[in-house]
Amino acid sequence: MNRMSSSLPEVSQKSDSLDVVLAPEDHHRMANLCGQFDEHLRQIERGLGIRIKNRGNHFRLDGTLKSIEVGQGVLEELFSLTEAEEIDPERVHLCMQEFSRVDREARQESMVFRTRRRDVRARGSNQNAYAMAMRSKDLTFGIGPAGTGKTYLAVAASVEALDTGTVRRIVLVRPAVEAGERLGFLPGDMSQKVDPYLRPMYDALYEMMGYERVGRLIERNIIEIAPLAFMRGRSLNESFIILDEAQNTTVQQMKMFLTRIGFGSRAVVTGDVTQTDLPKGLESGLKHANRILQDVLGVKFVHFDPQDVVRHRLVQKIVEAYSRDQG
């Protein structure tokens, strides 16, 4: 089978071998792709169960038909990335994970959030459904284990909405570690007390907007950091509101938060119902909402599983082990 494309490499396939030519030929980009001592190629071999031989920009992949097709997609994607970034083992892992779960046609149709500093692409069917919901629904729930991209994609959606003028503010909300939010013993003002719990959202904002811009927007209250308890009595209009770690809300707190959504606003609620820190016998507001709001118009629930984990490959194995133990 022969395929020609102006943007993709020429490919010929014979039984369980695939010949791939990456163009344009560029020694620096090829070194970036392969890694020191070809470590990236060896990582792909181990991850996909294939063999890779290369001479310059010519690659031969040997393995099962499915595996070498995935390997082709991984090499093409990584090579396209070499033009703008340095490839590292984590990037190789994420790329393999993405192509192992989604065929090329489906990937080309995946949602992309566009921010000023970088584009953020949904990886896999569940992330894609989550991204589509955040664009089209007033209220989206992302439920699943750590490392599945729930918070990161929600921040990307909020930044895009702010940049395009869809909303005028971003509001980041999270309960403290304790469900009762007893923060008085912590030093500093309320913002300083809550900041450590919001670090994942801060990091995502910095990556997509830059430190200086985030700082200016916080000063102007365009980005607001708020503990969940301080949402009571407010009505948030034209805002993108993210409630993170929602498994640690009580039923009453969740109801209070959801009724804060005002005109022109979108809300995203994220959490992992297996990681609830509430006192024994107290029902999680996230579990309760998942049970009673499934059929409400304008609300979308997206459930992630261990296969959606996009962090270090060890994290996925750990999540799977705990899921087996609990189920």
Protein backbone atom coordinates (compact mmCIF):
# COMPACT_ATOMS: atom_id res chain seq x y z
CA MET A 1 0.00 0.00 0.00
CA ASN A 2 1.40 3.41 -0.97
CA ARG A 3 0.20 6.78 0.26
CA MET A 4 1.42 10.21 -0.76
CA SER A 5 0.73 13.48 1.03
CA SER A 6 2.24 16.95 1.00
CA SER A 7 2.17 17.14 4.79
CA LEU A 8 2.56 13.51 5.83
CA PRO A 9 5.42 11.15 5.00
CA GLU A 10 5.34 8.62 2.20
CA VAL A 11 4.41 5.19 3.52
CA SER A 12 4.61 1.71 2.02
CA GLN A 13 3.35 -1.34 3.87
CA LYS A 14 4.30 -4.99 3.43
CA SER A 15 2.71 -7.54 5.76
CA ASP A 16 3.91 -6.60 9.26
CA SER A 17 6.47 -3.99 8.22
CA LEU A 18 5.98 -0.30 7.52
CA ASP A 19 8.46 2.05 5.84
CA VAL A 20 8.12 5.69 6.86
CA VAL A 21 9.95 8.68 5.40
CA LEU A 22 9.80 11.87 7.47
CA ALA A 23 10.15 15.08 5.50
CA PRO A 24 11.69 17.57 5.29
CA GLU A 25 15.02 16.00 6.14
CA ASP A 26 16.52 17.99 8.99
CA HIS A 27 19.35 16.60 11.12
CA HIS A 28 18.57 18.75 14.16
CA ARG A 29 14.86 17.79 14.16
CA MET A 30 15.74 14.14 13.62
CA ALA A 31 18.09 14.18 16.62
CA ASN A 32 15.31 15.80 18.66
CA LEU A 33 12.87 13.11 17.57
CA CYS A 34 15.14 10.13 18.24
CA GLY A 35 16.60 11.40 21.52
CA GLN A 36 20.06 10.86 22.95
CA PHE A 37 21.32 7.42 21.93
CA ASP A 38 17.89 6.87 20.30
CA GLU A 39 16.24 6.73 23.71
CA HIS A 40 12.90 7.96 22.34
CA LEU A 41 12.85 5.25 19.67
CA ARG A 42 13.64 2.60 22.28
CA GLN A 43 10.82 3.97 24.45
CA ILE A 44 8.39 3.65 21.55
CA GLU A 45 9.58 0.11 20.89
CA ARG A 46 8.98 -0.91 24.51
CA GLY A 47 5.64 0.86 24.73
CA LEU A 48 4.18 -0.52 21.50
CA GLY A 49 5.96 -3.85 21.25
CA ILE A 50 7.53 -3.06 17.88
CA ARG A 51 11.03 -2.78 16.41
CA ILE A 52 12.27 0.43 14.80
CA LYS A 53 15.27 0.75 12.50
CA ASN A 54 16.24 4.04 10.94
CA ARG A 55 18.78 5.54 8.60
CA GLY A 56 18.50 9.32 8.53
CA ASN A 57 14.86 10.21 7.96
CA HIS A 58 13.94 6.69 6.74
CA PHE A 59 12.31 4.43 9.34
CA ARG A 60 11.24 0.80 9.20
CA LEU A 61 8.70 -0.44 11.75
CA ASP A 62 8.22 -4.17 12.40
CA GLY A 63 5.42 -5.63 14.49
CA THR A 64 1.70 -6.34 14.39
CA LEU A 65 -0.35 -4.34 11.92
CA LYS A 66 -2.11 -2.35 14.63
CA SER A 67 1.08 -1.60 16.57
CA ILE A 68 3.10 -0.38 13.60
CA GLU A 69 0.23 1.85 12.46
CA VAL A 70 0.19 3.38 15.94
CA GLY A 71 3.96 3.69 15.77
CA GLN A 72 3.68 5.51 12.44
CA GLY A 73 1.25 8.00 13.94
CA VAL A 74 3.52 8.55 16.96
CA LEU A 75 6.58 9.20 14.78
CA GLU A 76 4.67 11.60 12.52
CA GLU A 77 3.23 13.52 15.44
CA LEU A 78 6.51 13.75 17.33
CA PHE A 79 8.33 14.86 14.19
CA SER A 80 5.79 17.64 13.65
CA LEU A 81 6.38 18.77 17.25
CA THR A 82 10.16 18.92 16.80
CA GLU A 83 9.75 22.13 14.82
CA ALA A 84 8.65 24.03 17.93
CA GLU A 85 9.68 22.08 21.04
CA GLU A 86 12.21 19.73 22.56
CA ILE A 87 10.89 16.19 22.79
CA ASP A 88 11.23 14.47 26.16
CA PRO A 89 10.21 11.00 27.42
CA GLU A 90 7.00 12.36 28.93
CA ARG A 91 5.94 13.82 25.58
CA VAL A 92 6.70 10.47 23.91
CA HIS A 93 4.59 8.66 26.51
CA LEU A 94 1.62 11.00 26.07
CA CYS A 95 1.83 10.71 22.31
CA MET A 96 1.86 6.90 22.44
CA GLN A 97 -1.07 6.91 24.81
CA GLU A 98 -3.07 9.21 22.55
CA PHE A 99 -2.49 7.24 19.37
CA SER A 100 -3.04 3.89 21.09
CA ARG A 101 -6.57 4.90 22.04
CA VAL A 102 -7.74 7.01 19.13
CA ASP A 103 -7.51 6.33 15.41
CA ARG A 104 -6.07 9.09 13.22
CA GLU A 105 -9.40 10.19 11.74
CA ALA A 106 -10.97 10.58 15.17
CA ARG A 107 -7.92 12.47 16.42
CA GLN A 108 -8.11 14.97 13.58
CA GLU A 109 -11.66 15.75 14.70
CA SER A 110 -10.73 16.22 18.38
CA MET A 111 -11.44 19.49 20.14
CA VAL A 112 -8.71 22.10 20.51
CA PHE A 113 -8.76 25.01 22.95
CA ARG A 114 -6.77 27.91 21.53
CA THR A 115 -4.99 30.22 23.95
CA ARG A 116 -2.45 32.94 23.24
CA ARG A 117 0.54 30.91 24.34
CA ARG A 118 -0.42 27.41 23.20
CA ASP A 119 -3.17 25.19 21.83
CA VAL A 120 -4.54 22.47 24.09
CA ARG A 121 -5.93 19.39 22.33
CA ALA A 122 -8.34 16.92 23.90
CA ARG A 123 -6.80 13.45 24.00
CA GLY A 124 -9.10 10.47 23.60
CA SER A 125 -12.86 10.09 23.38
CA ASN A 126 -13.65 11.03 26.99
CA GLN A 127 -11.54 14.19 26.93
CA ASN A 128 -13.10 15.08 23.59
CA ALA A 129 -16.62 14.65 24.99
CA TYR A 130 -15.60 16.73 28.01
CA ALA A 131 -14.21 19.51 25.82
CA MET A 132 -17.31 19.56 23.62
CA ALA A 133 -19.53 19.76 26.70
CA MET A 134 -17.59 22.71 28.13
CA ARG A 135 -18.12 24.58 24.87
CA SER A 136 -21.83 23.80 24.54
CA LYS A 137 -23.29 23.26 28.02
CA ASP A 138 -23.91 25.69 30.86
CA LEU A 139 -22.78 23.12 33.43
CA THR A 140 -20.29 20.29 32.89
CA PHE A 141 -19.18 17.67 35.38
CA GLY A 142 -15.83 15.90 34.86
CA ILE A 143 -15.62 12.89 37.15
CA GLY A 144 -12.71 10.48 37.31
CA PRO A 145 -9.28 9.65 38.71
CA ALA A 146 -6.35 11.99 39.08
CA GLY A 147 -4.27 12.65 36.00
CA THR A 148 -7.07 12.47 33.43
CA GLY A 149 -6.81 16.14 32.48
CA LYS A 150 -10.07 17.30 34.08
CA THR A 151 -8.69 20.46 35.68
CA TYR A 152 -6.17 21.27 32.95
CA LEU A 153 -8.79 21.15 30.17
CA ALA A 154 -11.23 23.16 32.27
CA VAL A 155 -8.64 25.91 32.70
CA ALA A 156 -7.90 25.81 28.97
CA ALA A 157 -11.62 26.19 28.23
CA SER A 158 -11.86 29.13 30.64
CA VAL A 159 -8.85 30.92 29.13
CA GLU A 160 -10.21 30.49 25.61
CA ALA A 161 -13.62 31.79 26.72
CA LEU A 162 -11.99 34.84 28.31
CA ASP A 163 -9.76 35.55 25.30
CA THR A 164 -12.69 35.31 22.86
CA GLY A 165 -14.95 37.51 24.99
CA THR A 166 -17.43 34.72 25.72
CA VAL A 167 -17.06 35.51 29.43
CA ARG A 168 -15.65 38.50 31.30
CA ARG A 169 -14.17 36.71 34.31
CA ILE A 170 -12.66 33.44 35.46
CA VAL A 171 -13.56 32.27 38.97
CA LEU A 172 -11.55 29.41 40.50
CA VAL A 173 -13.19 27.69 43.45
CA ARG A 174 -12.06 24.82 45.60
CA PRO A 175 -12.97 23.51 49.03
CA ALA A 176 -10.14 23.28 51.54
CA VAL A 177 -8.76 19.88 52.47
CA GLU A 178 -11.25 19.69 55.31
CA ALA A 179 -14.88 19.75 54.21
CA GLY A 180 -15.69 22.31 56.92
CA GLU A 181 -13.02 24.64 55.49
CA ARG A 182 -11.49 25.51 58.86
CA LEU A 183 -8.67 27.66 57.53
CA GLY A 184 -8.15 29.94 60.50
CA PHE A 185 -5.01 28.20 61.73
CA LEU A 186 -3.19 28.89 58.43
CA PRO A 187 -1.06 32.08 58.21
CA GLY A 188 -1.90 34.97 55.88
CA ASP A 189 -5.08 36.44 54.47
CA MET A 190 -7.83 34.31 52.91
CA SER A 191 -6.25 34.32 49.46
CA GLN A 192 -2.94 33.13 50.89
CA LYS A 193 -4.72 30.42 52.88
CA VAL A 194 -6.47 29.02 49.81
CA ASP A 195 -3.69 29.48 47.23
CA PRO A 196 -1.85 26.20 48.03
CA TYR A 197 -5.01 24.21 47.31
CA LEU A 198 -5.40 25.90 43.91
CA ARG A 199 -1.84 25.28 42.73
CA PRO A 200 -2.84 22.93 39.85
CA MET A 201 -5.09 25.64 38.39
CA TYR A 202 -2.45 28.32 38.91
CA ASP A 203 0.13 26.22 37.10
CA ALA A 204 -2.21 25.69 34.14
CA LEU A 205 -3.00 29.42 33.99
CA TYR A 206 0.70 30.33 34.02
CA GLU A 207 1.37 27.89 31.20
CA MET A 208 -1.42 29.28 29.01
CA MET A 209 -1.28 32.98 29.89
CA GLY A 210 2.14 33.68 31.42
CA TYR A 211 3.00 34.81 34.96
CA GLU A 212 2.73 38.55 34.32
CA ARG A 213 -0.66 38.43 32.62
CA VAL A 214 -2.12 36.14 35.28
CA GLY A 215 -0.84 38.50 37.98
CA ARG A 216 -2.40 41.54 36.28
CA LEU A 217 -5.75 39.80 35.80
CA ILE A 218 -5.84 38.71 39.45
CA GLU A 219 -5.11 42.30 40.53
CA ARG A 220 -7.98 43.53 38.36
CA ASN A 221 -10.26 40.77 39.71
CA ILE A 222 -10.76 39.36 36.21
CA ILE A 223 -9.37 36.14 37.61
CA GLU A 224 -10.77 35.51 41.07
CA ILE A 225 -9.60 32.93 43.58
CA ALA A 226 -12.35 32.03 46.03
CA PRO A 227 -12.83 29.40 48.73
CA LEU A 228 -16.11 27.56 48.33
CA ALA A 229 -17.54 28.97 51.57
CA PHE A 230 -17.25 32.51 50.14
CA MET A 231 -19.62 31.68 47.26
CA ARG A 232 -22.67 31.87 49.50
CA GLY A 233 -25.02 34.72 48.63
CA ARG A 234 -23.32 35.60 45.34
CA SER A 235 -24.59 35.43 41.77
CA LEU A 236 -21.89 35.17 39.11
CA ASN A 237 -22.79 36.57 35.69
CA GLU A 238 -20.68 36.34 32.49
CA SER A 239 -18.13 34.17 34.29
CA PHE A 240 -16.38 30.88 33.71
CA ILE A 241 -16.47 29.14 37.08
CA ILE A 242 -14.41 26.07 37.92
CA LEU A 243 -15.08 24.07 41.08
CA ASP A 244 -12.15 21.70 41.56
CA GLU A 245 -11.92 18.73 43.96
CA ALA A 246 -15.71 18.75 44.22
CA GLN A 247 -15.80 15.33 45.86
CA ASN A 248 -15.03 17.18 49.11
CA THR A 249 -18.20 19.25 49.02
CA THR A 250 -21.23 18.32 51.07
CA VAL A 251 -24.64 18.07 49.43
CA GLN A 252 -25.55 21.49 50.84
CA GLN A 253 -22.32 23.07 49.59
CA MET A 254 -22.81 21.65 46.10
CA LYS A 255 -26.38 22.97 45.94
CA MET A 256 -25.15 26.37 47.12
CA PHE A 257 -22.43 26.46 44.47
CA LEU A 258 -24.64 25.37 41.59
CA THR A 259 -27.23 28.01 42.40
CA ARG A 260 -24.56 30.74 42.09
CA ILE A 261 -24.44 30.34 38.29
CA GLY A 262 -25.70 33.57 36.71
CA PHE A 263 -26.60 34.82 33.24
CA GLY A 264 -23.99 34.26 30.55
CA SER A 265 -21.92 32.02 32.79
CA ARG A 266 -20.53 28.52 32.40
CA ALA A 267 -19.53 26.23 35.21
CA VAL A 268 -17.29 23.17 35.29
CA VAL A 269 -17.21 20.85 38.29
CA THR A 270 -14.35 18.35 38.60
CA GLY A 271 -13.59 15.65 41.10
CA ASP A 272 -12.74 12.04 41.88
CA VAL A 273 -15.46 10.32 43.91
CA THR A 274 -12.96 7.69 45.08
CA GLN A 275 -10.86 10.33 46.87
CA THR A 276 -13.46 11.86 49.19
CA ASP A 277 -12.09 13.34 52.44
CA LEU A 278 -15.48 14.00 54.04
CA PRO A 279 -16.21 12.60 57.50
CA LYS A 280 -17.56 9.07 57.50
CA GLY A 281 -21.29 8.91 56.86
CA LEU A 282 -21.46 12.30 55.09
CA GLU A 283 -22.47 12.01 51.43
CA SER A 284 -20.33 13.75 48.84
CA GLY A 285 -22.08 16.56 47.02
CA LEU A 286 -20.47 15.34 43.80
CA LYS A 287 -21.93 11.85 44.16
CA HIS A 288 -25.32 13.31 45.01
CA ALA A 289 -25.29 15.65 42.00
CA ASN A 290 -24.29 12.78 39.74
CA ARG A 291 -27.34 10.89 40.93
CA ILE A 292 -30.01 13.59 40.70
CA LEU A 293 -28.92 15.88 37.83
CA GLN A 294 -28.34 13.35 35.03
CA ASP A 295 -31.52 14.31 33.15
CA VAL A 296 -31.39 18.07 33.68
CA LEU A 297 -31.27 20.00 30.40
CA GLY A 298 -28.03 21.95 29.96
CA VAL A 299 -26.03 19.67 32.26
CA LYS A 300 -23.49 17.16 30.99
CA PHE A 301 -21.64 14.47 32.96
CA VAL A 302 -18.41 13.03 31.55
CA HIS A 303 -16.83 10.08 33.34
CA PHE A 304 -13.14 9.28 32.97
CA ASP A 305 -11.46 5.94 33.64
CA PRO A 306 -7.86 4.88 34.40
CA GLN A 307 -7.11 4.52 30.69
CA ASP A 308 -7.59 8.30 30.34
CA VAL A 309 -4.69 9.12 32.67
CA VAL A 310 -2.27 11.43 30.83
CA ARG A 311 0.42 11.74 33.48
CA HIS A 312 3.46 9.53 33.97
CA ARG A 313 2.71 5.95 32.89
CA LEU A 314 3.23 4.79 36.49
CA VAL A 315 0.28 6.94 37.59
CA GLN A 316 -2.03 5.04 35.25
CA LYS A 317 -0.86 1.71 36.66
CA ILE A 318 -1.36 2.95 40.23
CA VAL A 319 -4.90 4.18 39.45
CA GLU A 320 -5.74 0.86 37.82
CA ALA A 321 -4.42 -1.08 40.84
CA TYR A 322 -6.53 0.95 43.27
CA SER A 323 -9.60 0.57 41.01
CA ARG A 324 -9.20 -3.21 41.03
CA ASP A 325 -8.79 -3.25 44.81
CA GLN A 326 -11.92 -1.13 45.36
CA GLY A 327 -14.06 -2.85 42.78
